[in-house]
Amino acid sequence: MEKILCSAIWVDDEKKYTHQPKNIDKGFVVCGRRHHNCISTLMLIFDDLEKYLPIKKSGKVIQGFLTNDDQFVDRREGYKIAKEANQIIHNELIGSILTSEDLW
C-alpha cells in the first residue's frame, strides 16, 4: 500500500539530476518533516530569498509529499494517498489538500 513518507518540494529548474523520485525527470525534490523545513533547505541552496523567489513566482515550485513508492505527489494526490492509507490523524483538512499537520 502506498503511503506518505515526508513533506517535499519540487523545484523544476529544467535541469536533470540523478537520484530523484521516479516520476521526476527534471528539477529536484527537497524533503523535510514539514514544508517550512524544505523551504529552509531551499534558502541554503539558493543562498538567499532573492534567488529563490523568481523560481517560486514562475510556478516551477510545487509543494507536495514523497511516498514510500519513491514518487513525488502534490498536495491533492497526497490527500488521496493518506486518506486511503488511514494516515490522517488530525481533522485540520483544508478542502481536499494534505498538510503535514494532518499527518504528524
C-alpha atoms as a PDB file:
ATOM      1  CA  MET A   1       0.000   0.000   0.000  1.00  0.00           C
ATOM      2  CA  GLU A   2       1.302   3.429  -0.932  1.00  0.00           C
ATOM      3  CA  LYS A   3       1.891   5.826   1.984  1.00  0.00           C
ATOM      4  CA  ILE A   4       3.158   9.344   2.570  1.00  0.00           C
ATOM      5  CA  LEU A   5       6.708   9.463   3.964  1.00  0.00           C
ATOM      6  CA  CYS A   6       7.508  13.155   4.318  1.00  0.00           C
ATOM      7  CA  SER A   7       6.858  16.681   3.097  1.00  0.00           C
ATOM      8  CA  ALA A   8       8.591  17.634  -0.137  1.00  0.00           C
ATOM      9  CA  ILE A   9       9.002  20.499  -2.569  1.00  0.00           C
ATOM     10  CA  TRP A  10       9.764  20.018  -6.256  1.00  0.00           C
ATOM     11  CA  VAL A  11      11.791  22.764  -7.921  1.00  0.00           C
ATOM     12  CA  ASP A  12      11.580  22.463 -11.702  1.00  0.00           C
ATOM     13  CA  ASP A  13      14.679  24.339 -12.848  1.00  0.00           C
ATOM     14  CA  GLU A  14      14.662  22.458 -16.196  1.00  0.00           C
ATOM     15  CA  LYS A  15      17.929  20.626 -15.347  1.00  0.00           C
ATOM     16  CA  LYS A  16      18.392  16.877 -14.961  1.00  0.00           C
ATOM     17  CA  TYR A  17      19.654  15.427 -11.684  1.00  0.00           C
ATOM     18  CA  THR A  18      20.338  11.869 -10.568  1.00  0.00           C
ATOM     19  CA  HIS A  19      18.689  10.153  -7.615  1.00  0.00           C
ATOM     20  CA  GLN A  20      15.364  11.964  -7.837  1.00  0.00           C
ATOM     21  CA  PRO A  21      11.925  10.400  -7.275  1.00  0.00           C
ATOM     22  CA  LYS A  22      10.934   8.014 -10.065  1.00  0.00           C
ATOM     23  CA  ASN A  23       8.393  10.371 -11.602  1.00  0.00           C
ATOM     24  CA  ILE A  24      10.643  13.466 -11.664  1.00  0.00           C
ATOM     25  CA  ASP A  25      12.571  13.745 -14.947  1.00  0.00           C
ATOM     26  CA  LYS A  26      13.817  17.310 -14.465  1.00  0.00           C
ATOM     27  CA  GLY A  27      14.394  19.554 -11.494  1.00  0.00           C
ATOM     28  CA  PHE A  28      14.987  18.331  -7.964  1.00  0.00           C
ATOM     29  CA  VAL A  29      12.995  17.463  -4.855  1.00  0.00           C
ATOM     30  CA  VAL A  30      13.867  18.627  -1.340  1.00  0.00           C
ATOM     31  CA  CYS A  31      12.324  16.712   1.573  1.00  0.00           C
ATOM     32  CA  GLY A  32      11.712  17.538   5.223  1.00  0.00           C
ATOM     33  CA  ARG A  33       9.454  16.909   8.176  1.00  0.00           C
ATOM     34  CA  ARG A  34       7.271  19.885   7.287  1.00  0.00           C
ATOM     35  CA  HIS A  35       7.233  22.189   4.272  1.00  0.00           C
ATOM     36  CA  HIS A  36       8.923  25.004   6.158  1.00  0.00           C
ATOM     37  CA  ASN A  37      11.889  22.651   6.701  1.00  0.00           C
ATOM     38  CA  CYS A  38      12.079  22.129   2.932  1.00  0.00           C
ATOM     39  CA  ILE A  39      11.917  25.890   2.359  1.00  0.00           C
ATOM     40  CA  SER A  40      14.764  26.435   4.840  1.00  0.00           C
ATOM     41  CA  THR A  41      16.887  23.964   2.877  1.00  0.00           C
ATOM     42  CA  LEU A  42      15.998  25.707  -0.387  1.00  0.00           C
ATOM     43  CA  MET A  43      17.113  29.022   1.110  1.00  0.00           C
ATOM     44  CA  LEU A  44      20.522  27.460   1.782  1.00  0.00           C
ATOM     45  CA  ILE A  45      20.716  26.034  -1.740  1.00  0.00           C
ATOM     46  CA  PHE A  46      19.811  29.356  -3.364  1.00  0.00           C
ATOM     47  CA  ASP A  47      21.899  31.429  -0.897  1.00  0.00           C
ATOM     48  CA  ASP A  48      19.038  33.796  -0.173  1.00  0.00           C
ATOM     49  CA  LEU A  49      15.407  34.643  -0.770  1.00  0.00           C
ATOM     50  CA  GLU A  50      16.224  36.883  -3.748  1.00  0.00           C
ATOM     51  CA  LYS A  51      17.421  33.895  -5.802  1.00  0.00           C
ATOM     52  CA  TYR A  52      14.579  31.620  -4.709  1.00  0.00           C
ATOM     53  CA  LEU A  53      11.575  33.898  -5.232  1.00  0.00           C
ATOM     54  CA  PRO A  54      11.803  34.269  -9.053  1.00  0.00           C
ATOM     55  CA  ILE A  55      11.632  30.477  -9.418  1.00  0.00           C
ATOM     56  CA  LYS A  56       8.730  30.281  -6.965  1.00  0.00           C
ATOM     57  CA  LYS A  57       6.829  33.055  -8.747  1.00  0.00           C
ATOM     58  CA  SER A  58       7.299  31.281 -12.087  1.00  0.00           C
ATOM     59  CA  GLY A  59       5.130  28.410 -10.824  1.00  0.00           C
ATOM     60  CA  LYS A  60       8.006  25.963 -11.002  1.00  0.00           C
ATOM     61  CA  VAL A  61       7.968  25.230  -7.280  1.00  0.00           C
ATOM     62  CA  ILE A  62       5.355  22.710  -6.162  1.00  0.00           C
ATOM     63  CA  GLN A  63       4.688  21.713  -2.572  1.00  0.00           C
ATOM     64  CA  GLY A  64       3.766  18.095  -2.011  1.00  0.00           C
ATOM     65  CA  PHE A  65       4.966  14.863  -0.467  1.00  0.00           C
ATOM     66  CA  LEU A  66       7.254  11.914  -1.081  1.00  0.00           C
ATOM     67  CA  THR A  67       5.712   8.445  -0.981  1.00  0.00           C
ATOM     68  CA  ASN A  68       7.140   5.115   0.098  1.00  0.00           C
ATOM     69  CA  ASP A  69       6.926   4.177  -3.593  1.00  0.00           C
ATOM     70  CA  ASP A  70       9.558   6.866  -4.433  1.00  0.00           C
ATOM     71  CA  GLN A  71       7.054   9.187  -6.097  1.00  0.00           C
ATOM     72  CA  PHE A  72       6.593  12.924  -5.662  1.00  0.00           C
ATOM     73  CA  VAL A  73       2.909  13.848  -5.348  1.00  0.00           C
ATOM     74  CA  ASP A  74       1.234  17.239  -4.977  1.00  0.00           C
ATOM     75  CA  ARG A  75      -0.995  18.102  -2.025  1.00  0.00           C
ATOM     76  CA  ARG A  76      -4.193  16.855  -3.714  1.00  0.00           C
ATOM     77  CA  GLU A  77      -2.747  13.456  -4.644  1.00  0.00           C
ATOM     78  CA  GLY A  78      -1.122  13.308  -1.207  1.00  0.00           C
ATOM     79  CA  TYR A  79      -4.535  13.721   0.408  1.00  0.00           C
ATOM     80  CA  LYS A  80      -5.946  10.789  -1.574  1.00  0.00           C
ATOM     81  CA  ILE A  81      -2.995   8.542  -0.674  1.00  0.00           C
ATOM     82  CA  ALA A  82      -3.004   9.484   3.031  1.00  0.00           C
ATOM     83  CA  LYS A  83      -6.764   9.000   3.296  1.00  0.00           C
ATOM     84  CA  GLU A  84      -6.596   5.575   1.627  1.00  0.00           C
ATOM     85  CA  ALA A  85      -3.713   4.550   3.936  1.00  0.00           C
ATOM     86  CA  ASN A  86      -5.509   5.836   7.076  1.00  0.00           C
ATOM     87  CA  GLN A  87      -2.611   8.191   7.810  1.00  0.00           C
ATOM     88  CA  ILE A  88      -4.683  11.275   8.581  1.00  0.00           C
ATOM     89  CA  ILE A  89      -4.661  11.766  12.350  1.00  0.00           C
ATOM     90  CA  HIS A  90      -5.960  15.330  12.675  1.00  0.00           C
ATOM     91  CA  ASN A  91      -9.117  16.951  11.386  1.00  0.00           C
ATOM     92  CA  GLU A  92      -7.354  20.051  10.096  1.00  0.00           C
ATOM     93  CA  LEU A  93      -8.013  19.324   6.449  1.00  0.00           C
ATOM     94  CA  ILE A  94      -8.202  22.290   4.138  1.00  0.00           C
ATOM     95  CA  GLY A  95     -10.565  21.151   1.412  1.00  0.00           C
ATOM     96  CA  SER A  96      -9.051  18.134  -0.286  1.00  0.00           C
ATOM     97  CA  ILE A  97      -5.387  19.007   0.097  1.00  0.00           C
ATOM     98  CA  LEU A  98      -2.951  17.467   2.549  1.00  0.00           C
ATOM     99  CA  THR A  99      -0.761  19.318   5.019  1.00  0.00           C
ATOM    100  CA  SER A 100       1.905  17.695   7.164  1.00  0.00           C
ATOM    101  CA  GLU A 101      -0.069  18.816  10.212  1.00  0.00           C
ATOM    102  CA  ASP A 102      -2.757  16.348   9.127  1.00  0.00           C
ATOM    103  CA  LEU A 103      -0.247  13.528   9.439  1.00  0.00           C
ATOM    104  CA  TRP A 104       2.092  14.154  12.365  1.00  0.00           C
END
